[in-house]
Amino acid sequence: MSAQNVNREAKRIFARLLATENIHVRHDNTAVTATFDTDKRVLTLPVFNHMDDDVYDLFVGHEVGHALFTPPLSEEEMINTMNRV
């Protein structure tokens, strides 16, 4: 199955249900990986030519984990936190 055949609306609903909140989900042809903005609550999913449902679900699950468990930190706070580890 190619990325064109993936039901993006279903993936958006899946992500919002997993996150248990009304996160914004966007599919981006220019994204090189999936990301989650903890401040703006935006999950960005890349669109790859040969990405099937399973890979989409892995991206969604991983990034929703950030929605649930990663505290919203500024870039400076995040760098300071990583430097302490």
PDB file of N, CA and C in Angstrom:
ATOM      1  N   MET A   1       0.846  -1.183   0.000  1.00  0.00           N
ATOM      2  CA  MET A   1       0.000   0.000   0.000  1.00  0.00           C
ATOM      3  C   MET A   1       0.886   1.239   0.000  1.00  0.00           C
ATOM      4  N   SER A   2       0.580   2.182  -0.824  1.00  0.00           N
ATOM      5  CA  SER A   2       1.361   3.412  -0.893  1.00  0.00           C
ATOM      6  C   SER A   2       0.734   4.486  -0.024  1.00  0.00           C
ATOM      7  N   ALA A   3       1.485   5.548   0.169  1.00  0.00           N
ATOM      8  CA  ALA A   3       0.998   6.654   1.003  1.00  0.00           C
ATOM      9  C   ALA A   3      -0.285   7.251   0.437  1.00  0.00           C
ATOM     10  N   GLN A   4      -0.458   7.192  -0.885  1.00  0.00           N
ATOM     11  CA  GLN A   4      -1.661   7.764  -1.482  1.00  0.00           C
ATOM     12  C   GLN A   4      -2.909   6.975  -1.089  1.00  0.00           C
ATOM     13  N   ASN A   5      -2.747   5.687  -0.719  1.00  0.00           N
ATOM     14  CA  ASN A   5      -3.893   4.854  -0.372  1.00  0.00           C
ATOM     15  C   ASN A   5      -4.214   4.843   1.116  1.00  0.00           C
ATOM     16  N   VAL A   6      -3.372   5.464   1.927  1.00  0.00           N
ATOM     17  CA  VAL A   6      -3.606   5.506   3.367  1.00  0.00           C
ATOM     18  C   VAL A   6      -4.725   6.505   3.657  1.00  0.00           C
ATOM     19  N   ASN A   7      -5.653   6.115   4.495  1.00  0.00           N
ATOM     20  CA  ASN A   7      -6.758   6.983   4.861  1.00  0.00           C
ATOM     21  C   ASN A   7      -6.265   7.975   5.920  1.00  0.00           C
ATOM     22  N   ARG A   8      -5.879   9.148   5.485  1.00  0.00           N
ATOM     23  CA  ARG A   8      -5.303  10.144   6.385  1.00  0.00           C
ATOM     24  C   ARG A   8      -6.294  10.635   7.427  1.00  0.00           C
ATOM     25  N   GLU A   9      -7.555  10.715   7.074  1.00  0.00           N
ATOM     26  CA  GLU A   9      -8.569  11.132   8.044  1.00  0.00           C
ATOM     27  C   GLU A   9      -8.679  10.098   9.161  1.00  0.00           C
ATOM     28  N   ALA A  10      -8.605   8.821   8.809  1.00  0.00           N
ATOM     29  CA  ALA A  10      -8.651   7.762   9.824  1.00  0.00           C
ATOM     30  C   ALA A  10      -7.437   7.859  10.746  1.00  0.00           C
ATOM     31  N   LYS A  11      -6.265   8.185  10.196  1.00  0.00           N
ATOM     32  CA  LYS A  11      -5.056   8.327  11.013  1.00  0.00           C
ATOM     33  C   LYS A  11      -5.175   9.534  11.940  1.00  0.00           C
ATOM     34  N   ARG A  12      -5.813  10.605  11.466  1.00  0.00           N
ATOM     35  CA  ARG A  12      -6.022  11.791  12.296  1.00  0.00           C
ATOM     36  C   ARG A  12      -6.929  11.454  13.479  1.00  0.00           C
ATOM     37  N   ILE A  13      -8.010  10.759  13.205  1.00  0.00           N
ATOM     38  CA  ILE A  13      -8.943  10.365  14.267  1.00  0.00           C
ATOM     39  C   ILE A  13      -8.261   9.402  15.240  1.00  0.00           C
ATOM     40  N   PHE A  14      -7.504   8.439  14.717  1.00  0.00           N
ATOM     41  CA  PHE A  14      -6.766   7.476  15.535  1.00  0.00           C
ATOM     42  C   PHE A  14      -5.829   8.205  16.499  1.00  0.00           C
ATOM     43  N   ALA A  15      -5.086   9.178  15.992  1.00  0.00           N
ATOM     44  CA  ALA A  15      -4.138   9.930  16.825  1.00  0.00           C
ATOM     45  C   ALA A  15      -4.869  10.704  17.913  1.00  0.00           C
ATOM     46  N   ARG A  16      -5.963  11.338  17.567  1.00  0.00           N
ATOM     47  CA  ARG A  16      -6.714  12.125  18.548  1.00  0.00           C
ATOM     48  C   ARG A  16      -7.323  11.233  19.627  1.00  0.00           C
ATOM     49  N   LEU A  17      -7.778  10.054  19.240  1.00  0.00           N
ATOM     50  CA  LEU A  17      -8.328   9.120  20.220  1.00  0.00           C
ATOM     51  C   LEU A  17      -7.241   8.612  21.160  1.00  0.00           C
ATOM     52  N   LEU A  18      -6.082   8.251  20.600  1.00  0.00           N
ATOM     53  CA  LEU A  18      -4.980   7.776  21.439  1.00  0.00           C
ATOM     54  C   LEU A  18      -4.510   8.862  22.404  1.00  0.00           C
ATOM     55  N   ALA A  19      -4.468  10.092  21.926  1.00  0.00           N
ATOM     56  CA  ALA A  19      -3.987  11.202  22.753  1.00  0.00           C
ATOM     57  C   ALA A  19      -5.020  11.636  23.794  1.00  0.00           C
ATOM     58  N   THR A  20      -6.239  11.203  23.622  1.00  0.00           N
ATOM     59  CA  THR A  20      -7.366  11.567  24.494  1.00  0.00           C
ATOM     60  C   THR A  20      -7.537  13.084  24.609  1.00  0.00           C
ATOM     61  N   GLU A  21      -7.207  13.771  23.524  1.00  0.00           N
ATOM     62  CA  GLU A  21      -7.423  15.221  23.469  1.00  0.00           C
ATOM     63  C   GLU A  21      -7.548  15.640  22.012  1.00  0.00           C
ATOM     64  N   ASN A  22      -7.932  16.855  21.803  1.00  0.00           N
ATOM     65  CA  ASN A  22      -8.179  17.375  20.461  1.00  0.00           C
ATOM     66  C   ASN A  22      -6.896  17.944  19.857  1.00  0.00           C
ATOM     67  N   ILE A  23      -5.868  17.088  19.688  1.00  0.00           N
ATOM     68  CA  ILE A  23      -4.621  17.555  19.077  1.00  0.00           C
ATOM     69  C   ILE A  23      -4.866  17.838  17.603  1.00  0.00           C
ATOM     70  N   HIS A  24      -4.037  18.694  17.043  1.00  0.00           N
ATOM     71  CA  HIS A  24      -4.101  18.977  15.619  1.00  0.00           C
ATOM     72  C   HIS A  24      -3.141  18.018  14.914  1.00  0.00           C
ATOM     73  N   VAL A  25      -3.621  17.308  13.906  1.00  0.00           N
ATOM     74  CA  VAL A  25      -2.789  16.359  13.149  1.00  0.00           C
ATOM     75  C   VAL A  25      -2.670  16.880  11.735  1.00  0.00           C
ATOM     76  N   ARG A  26      -1.428  16.980  11.262  1.00  0.00           N
ATOM     77  CA  ARG A  26      -1.217  17.429   9.882  1.00  0.00           C
ATOM     78  C   ARG A  26      -0.296  16.453   9.166  1.00  0.00           C
ATOM     79  N   HIS A  27      -0.557  16.274   7.902  1.00  0.00           N
ATOM     80  CA  HIS A  27       0.258  15.425   7.033  1.00  0.00           C
ATOM     81  C   HIS A  27       1.077  16.367   6.162  1.00  0.00           C
ATOM     82  N   ASP A  28       2.399  16.194   6.198  1.00  0.00           N
ATOM     83  CA  ASP A  28       3.293  17.145   5.546  1.00  0.00           C
ATOM     84  C   ASP A  28       4.225  16.427   4.570  1.00  0.00           C
ATOM     85  N   ASN A  29       4.112  16.778   3.297  1.00  0.00           N
ATOM     86  CA  ASN A  29       4.961  16.175   2.263  1.00  0.00           C
ATOM     87  C   ASN A  29       6.423  16.547   2.418  1.00  0.00           C
ATOM     88  N   THR A  30       6.726  17.612   3.143  1.00  0.00           N
ATOM     89  CA  THR A  30       8.121  18.049   3.297  1.00  0.00           C
ATOM     90  C   THR A  30       8.757  17.574   4.598  1.00  0.00           C
ATOM     91  N   ALA A  31       7.974  16.975   5.496  1.00  0.00           N
ATOM     92  CA  ALA A  31       8.515  16.498   6.779  1.00  0.00           C
ATOM     93  C   ALA A  31       9.414  15.290   6.541  1.00  0.00           C
ATOM     94  N   VAL A  32      10.548  15.250   7.243  1.00  0.00           N
ATOM     95  CA  VAL A  32      11.471  14.118   7.091  1.00  0.00           C
ATOM     96  C   VAL A  32      11.219  13.046   8.144  1.00  0.00           C
ATOM     97  N   THR A  33      10.456  13.378   9.178  1.00  0.00           N
ATOM     98  CA  THR A  33      10.058  12.411  10.194  1.00  0.00           C
ATOM     99  C   THR A  33       8.809  12.929  10.893  1.00  0.00           C
ATOM    100  N   ALA A  34       8.238  12.100  11.740  1.00  0.00           N
ATOM    101  CA  ALA A  34       7.085  12.524  12.522  1.00  0.00           C
ATOM    102  C   ALA A  34       7.571  13.363  13.704  1.00  0.00           C
ATOM    103  N   THR A  35       6.788  14.358  14.088  1.00  0.00           N
ATOM    104  CA  THR A  35       7.132  15.208  15.224  1.00  0.00           C
ATOM    105  C   THR A  35       5.869  15.556  15.999  1.00  0.00           C
ATOM    106  N   PHE A  36       6.077  15.948  17.261  1.00  0.00           N
ATOM    107  CA  PHE A  36       4.965  16.461  18.055  1.00  0.00           C
ATOM    108  C   PHE A  36       5.408  17.722  18.761  1.00  0.00           C
ATOM    109  N   ASP A  37       4.706  18.802  18.531  1.00  0.00           N
ATOM    110  CA  ASP A  37       4.973  20.084  19.189  1.00  0.00           C
ATOM    111  C   ASP A  37       4.186  20.092  20.490  1.00  0.00           C
ATOM    112  N   THR A  38       4.909  19.943  21.609  1.00  0.00           N
ATOM    113  CA  THR A  38       4.239  19.831  22.907  1.00  0.00           C
ATOM    114  C   THR A  38       3.568  21.125  23.357  1.00  0.00           C
ATOM    115  N   ASP A  39       4.026  22.256  22.833  1.00  0.00           N
ATOM    116  CA  ASP A  39       3.444  23.543  23.201  1.00  0.00           C
ATOM    117  C   ASP A  39       2.173  23.818  22.406  1.00  0.00           C
ATOM    118  N   LYS A  40       2.237  23.665  21.090  1.00  0.00           N
ATOM    119  CA  LYS A  40       1.093  23.959  20.224  1.00  0.00           C
ATOM    120  C   LYS A  40       0.168  22.767  20.035  1.00  0.00           C
ATOM    121  N   ARG A  41       0.589  21.577  20.516  1.00  0.00           N
ATOM    122  CA  ARG A  41      -0.201  20.344  20.447  1.00  0.00           C
ATOM    123  C   ARG A  41      -0.482  19.948  19.000  1.00  0.00           C
ATOM    124  N   VAL A  42       0.572  19.967  18.176  1.00  0.00           N
ATOM    125  CA  VAL A  42       0.460  19.626  16.768  1.00  0.00           C
ATOM    126  C   VAL A  42       1.308  18.391  16.473  1.00  0.00           C
ATOM    127  N   LEU A  43       0.674  17.358  15.942  1.00  0.00           N
ATOM    128  CA  LEU A  43       1.365  16.153  15.502  1.00  0.00           C
ATOM    129  C   LEU A  43       1.545  16.267  13.999  1.00  0.00           C
ATOM    130  N   THR A  44       2.780  16.197  13.544  1.00  0.00           N
ATOM    131  CA  THR A  44       3.078  16.260  12.111  1.00  0.00           C
ATOM    132  C   THR A  44       3.522  14.887  11.643  1.00  0.00           C
ATOM    133  N   LEU A  45       2.865  14.400  10.601  1.00  0.00           N
ATOM    134  CA  LEU A  45       3.210  13.109  10.023  1.00  0.00           C
ATOM    135  C   LEU A  45       3.789  13.320   8.635  1.00  0.00           C
ATOM    136  N   PRO A  46       4.912  12.662   8.335  1.00  0.00           N
ATOM    137  CA  PRO A  46       5.480  12.782   7.000  1.00  0.00           C
ATOM    138  C   PRO A  46       4.646  11.973   6.006  1.00  0.00           C
ATOM    139  N   VAL A  47       4.764  12.312   4.754  1.00  0.00           N
ATOM    140  CA  VAL A  47       4.111  11.544   3.691  1.00  0.00           C
ATOM    141  C   VAL A  47       5.219  11.005   2.803  1.00  0.00           C
ATOM    142  N   PHE A  48       5.477   9.716   2.933  1.00  0.00           N
ATOM    143  CA  PHE A  48       6.494   9.063   2.113  1.00  0.00           C
ATOM    144  C   PHE A  48       5.800   8.260   1.024  1.00  0.00           C
ATOM    145  N   ASN A  49       6.451   8.107  -0.113  1.00  0.00           N
ATOM    146  CA  ASN A  49       5.841   7.407  -1.245  1.00  0.00           C
ATOM    147  C   ASN A  49       5.429   5.976  -0.930  1.00  0.00           C
ATOM    148  N   HIS A  50       6.210   5.271  -0.158  1.00  0.00           N
ATOM    149  CA  HIS A  50       5.913   3.862   0.081  1.00  0.00           C
ATOM    150  C   HIS A  50       5.685   3.573   1.562  1.00  0.00           C
ATOM    151  N   MET A  51       4.990   4.470   2.236  1.00  0.00           N
ATOM    152  CA  MET A  51       4.704   4.274   3.653  1.00  0.00           C
ATOM    153  C   MET A  51       3.321   3.641   3.790  1.00  0.00           C
ATOM    154  N   ASP A  52       3.274   2.473   4.432  1.00  0.00           N
ATOM    155  CA  ASP A  52       2.000   1.786   4.556  1.00  0.00           C
ATOM    156  C   ASP A  52       1.337   2.075   5.905  1.00  0.00           C
ATOM    157  N   ASP A  53       0.191   1.460   6.130  1.00  0.00           N
ATOM    158  CA  ASP A  53      -0.582   1.678   7.359  1.00  0.00           C
ATOM    159  C   ASP A  53       0.218   1.388   8.617  1.00  0.00           C
ATOM    160  N   ASP A  54       0.996   0.308   8.608  1.00  0.00           N
ATOM    161  CA  ASP A  54       1.748  -0.056   9.813  1.00  0.00           C
ATOM    162  C   ASP A  54       2.755   1.018  10.194  1.00  0.00           C
ATOM    163  N   VAL A  55       3.452   1.572   9.220  1.00  0.00           N
ATOM    164  CA  VAL A  55       4.442   2.620   9.509  1.00  0.00           C
ATOM    165  C   VAL A  55       3.733   3.882   9.997  1.00  0.00           C
ATOM    166  N   TYR A  56       2.618   4.240   9.384  1.00  0.00           N
ATOM    167  CA  TYR A  56       1.841   5.381   9.864  1.00  0.00           C
ATOM    168  C   TYR A  56       1.450   5.172  11.327  1.00  0.00           C
ATOM    169  N   ASP A  57       0.972   3.963  11.642  1.00  0.00           N
ATOM    170  CA  ASP A  57       0.546   3.679  13.009  1.00  0.00           C
ATOM    171  C   ASP A  57       1.712   3.759  13.990  1.00  0.00           C
ATOM    172  N   LEU A  58       2.897   3.315  13.583  1.00  0.00           N
ATOM    173  CA  LEU A  58       4.075   3.426  14.439  1.00  0.00           C
ATOM    174  C   LEU A  58       4.419   4.889  14.703  1.00  0.00           C
ATOM    175  N   PHE A  59       4.410   5.700  13.647  1.00  0.00           N
ATOM    176  CA  PHE A  59       4.667   7.133  13.821  1.00  0.00           C
ATOM    177  C   PHE A  59       3.635   7.751  14.759  1.00  0.00           C
ATOM    178  N   VAL A  60       2.367   7.445  14.531  1.00  0.00           N
ATOM    179  CA  VAL A  60       1.294   8.006  15.360  1.00  0.00           C
ATOM    180  C   VAL A  60       1.477   7.595  16.817  1.00  0.00           C
ATOM    181  N   GLY A  61       1.702   6.308  17.057  1.00  0.00           N
ATOM    182  CA  GLY A  61       1.849   5.821  18.424  1.00  0.00           C
ATOM    183  C   GLY A  61       3.016   6.461  19.150  1.00  0.00           C
ATOM    184  N   HIS A  62       4.147   6.572  18.472  1.00  0.00           N
ATOM    185  CA  HIS A  62       5.325   7.168  19.096  1.00  0.00           C
ATOM    186  C   HIS A  62       5.078   8.638  19.443  1.00  0.00           C
ATOM    187  N   GLU A  63       4.561   9.384  18.498  1.00  0.00           N
ATOM    188  CA  GLU A  63       4.355  10.815  18.724  1.00  0.00           C
ATOM    189  C   GLU A  63       3.239  11.079  19.724  1.00  0.00           C
ATOM    190  N   VAL A  64       2.212  10.252  19.757  1.00  0.00           N
ATOM    191  CA  VAL A  64       1.170  10.409  20.768  1.00  0.00           C
ATOM    192  C   VAL A  64       1.752  10.152  22.155  1.00  0.00           C
ATOM    193  N   GLY A  65       2.754   9.284  22.243  1.00  0.00           N
ATOM    194  CA  GLY A  65       3.456   9.107  23.509  1.00  0.00           C
ATOM    195  C   GLY A  65       4.034  10.419  24.002  1.00  0.00           C
ATOM    196  N   HIS A  66       4.554  11.217  23.089  1.00  0.00           N
ATOM    197  CA  HIS A  66       5.045  12.551  23.476  1.00  0.00           C
ATOM    198  C   HIS A  66       3.889  13.442  23.912  1.00  0.00           C
ATOM    199  N   ALA A  67       2.757  13.338  23.239  1.00  0.00           N
ATOM    200  CA  ALA A  67       1.590  14.136  23.624  1.00  0.00           C
ATOM    201  C   ALA A  67       1.160  13.808  25.048  1.00  0.00           C
ATOM    202  N   LEU A  68       1.278  12.551  25.416  1.00  0.00           N
ATOM    203  CA  LEU A  68       0.824  12.112  26.732  1.00  0.00           C
ATOM    204  C   LEU A  68       1.859  12.303  27.838  1.00  0.00           C
ATOM    205  N   PHE A  69       3.145  12.144  27.512  1.00  0.00           N
ATOM    206  CA  PHE A  69       4.147  12.034  28.567  1.00  0.00           C
ATOM    207  C   PHE A  69       5.302  13.028  28.515  1.00  0.00           C
ATOM    208  N   THR A  70       5.401  13.834  27.474  1.00  0.00           N
ATOM    209  CA  THR A  70       6.489  14.809  27.384  1.00  0.00           C
ATOM    210  C   THR A  70       5.983  16.166  27.846  1.00  0.00           C
ATOM    211  N   PRO A  71       6.622  16.732  28.872  1.00  0.00           N
ATOM    212  CA  PRO A  71       6.159  18.043  29.343  1.00  0.00           C
ATOM    213  C   PRO A  71       6.475  19.126  28.320  1.00  0.00           C
ATOM    214  N   PRO A  72       5.610  20.130  28.217  1.00  0.00           N
ATOM    215  CA  PRO A  72       5.892  21.227  27.287  1.00  0.00           C
ATOM    216  C   PRO A  72       7.033  22.089  27.823  1.00  0.00           C
ATOM    217  N   LEU A  73       8.172  22.036  27.162  1.00  0.00           N
ATOM    218  CA  LEU A  73       9.341  22.816  27.555  1.00  0.00           C
ATOM    219  C   LEU A  73       9.746  23.740  26.414  1.00  0.00           C
ATOM    220  N   SER A  74      10.295  24.885  26.777  1.00  0.00           N
ATOM    221  CA  SER A  74      10.851  25.765  25.755  1.00  0.00           C
ATOM    222  C   SER A  74      12.121  25.112  25.215  1.00  0.00           C
ATOM    223  N   GLU A  75      12.595  25.596  24.098  1.00  0.00           N
ATOM    224  CA  GLU A  75      13.827  25.048  23.523  1.00  0.00           C
ATOM    225  C   GLU A  75      14.983  25.184  24.518  1.00  0.00           C
ATOM    226  N   GLU A  76      15.068  26.318  25.186  1.00  0.00           N
ATOM    227  CA  GLU A  76      16.133  26.543  26.162  1.00  0.00           C
ATOM    228  C   GLU A  76      16.019  25.571  27.341  1.00  0.00           C
ATOM    229  N   GLU A  77      14.789  25.373  27.845  1.00  0.00           N
ATOM    230  CA  GLU A  77      14.588  24.435  28.950  1.00  0.00           C
ATOM    231  C   GLU A  77      14.967  23.014  28.548  1.00  0.00           C
ATOM    232  N   MET A  78      14.632  22.635  27.327  1.00  0.00           N
ATOM    233  CA  MET A  78      14.939  21.302  26.842  1.00  0.00           C
ATOM    234  C   MET A  78      16.451  21.097  26.748  1.00  0.00           C
ATOM    235  N   ILE A  79      17.146  22.071  26.220  1.00  0.00           N
ATOM    236  CA  ILE A  79      18.611  21.984  26.103  1.00  0.00           C
ATOM    237  C   ILE A  79      19.252  21.902  27.487  1.00  0.00           C
ATOM    238  N   ASN A  80      18.782  22.723  28.425  1.00  0.00           N
ATOM    239  CA  ASN A  80      19.301  22.676  29.794  1.00  0.00           C
ATOM    240  C   ASN A  80      19.046  21.324  30.444  1.00  0.00           C
ATOM    241  N   THR A  81      17.857  20.773  30.225  1.00  0.00           N
ATOM    242  CA  THR A  81      17.519  19.461  30.772  1.00  0.00           C
ATOM    243  C   THR A  81      18.421  18.386  30.185  1.00  0.00           C
ATOM    244  N   MET A  82      18.651  18.414  28.898  1.00  0.00           N
ATOM    245  CA  MET A  82      19.494  17.404  28.245  1.00  0.00           C
ATOM    246  C   MET A  82      20.937  17.542  28.679  1.00  0.00           C
ATOM    247  N   ASN A  83      21.401  18.743  28.946  1.00  0.00           N
ATOM    248  CA  ASN A  83      22.784  18.953  29.383  1.00  0.00           C
ATOM    249  C   ASN A  83      23.016  18.430  30.800  1.00  0.00           C
ATOM    250  N   ARG A  84      21.973  18.353  31.611  1.00  0.00           N
ATOM    251  CA  ARG A  84      22.107  17.852  32.978  1.00  0.00           C
ATOM    252  C   ARG A  84      22.179  16.338  33.033  1.00  0.00           C
ATOM    253  N   VAL A  85      21.740  15.670  31.988  1.00  0.00           N
ATOM    254  CA  VAL A  85      21.709  14.197  31.985  1.00  0.00           C
ATOM    255  C   VAL A  85      23.081  13.645  31.684  1.00  0.00           C
TER     256      VAL A  85
END
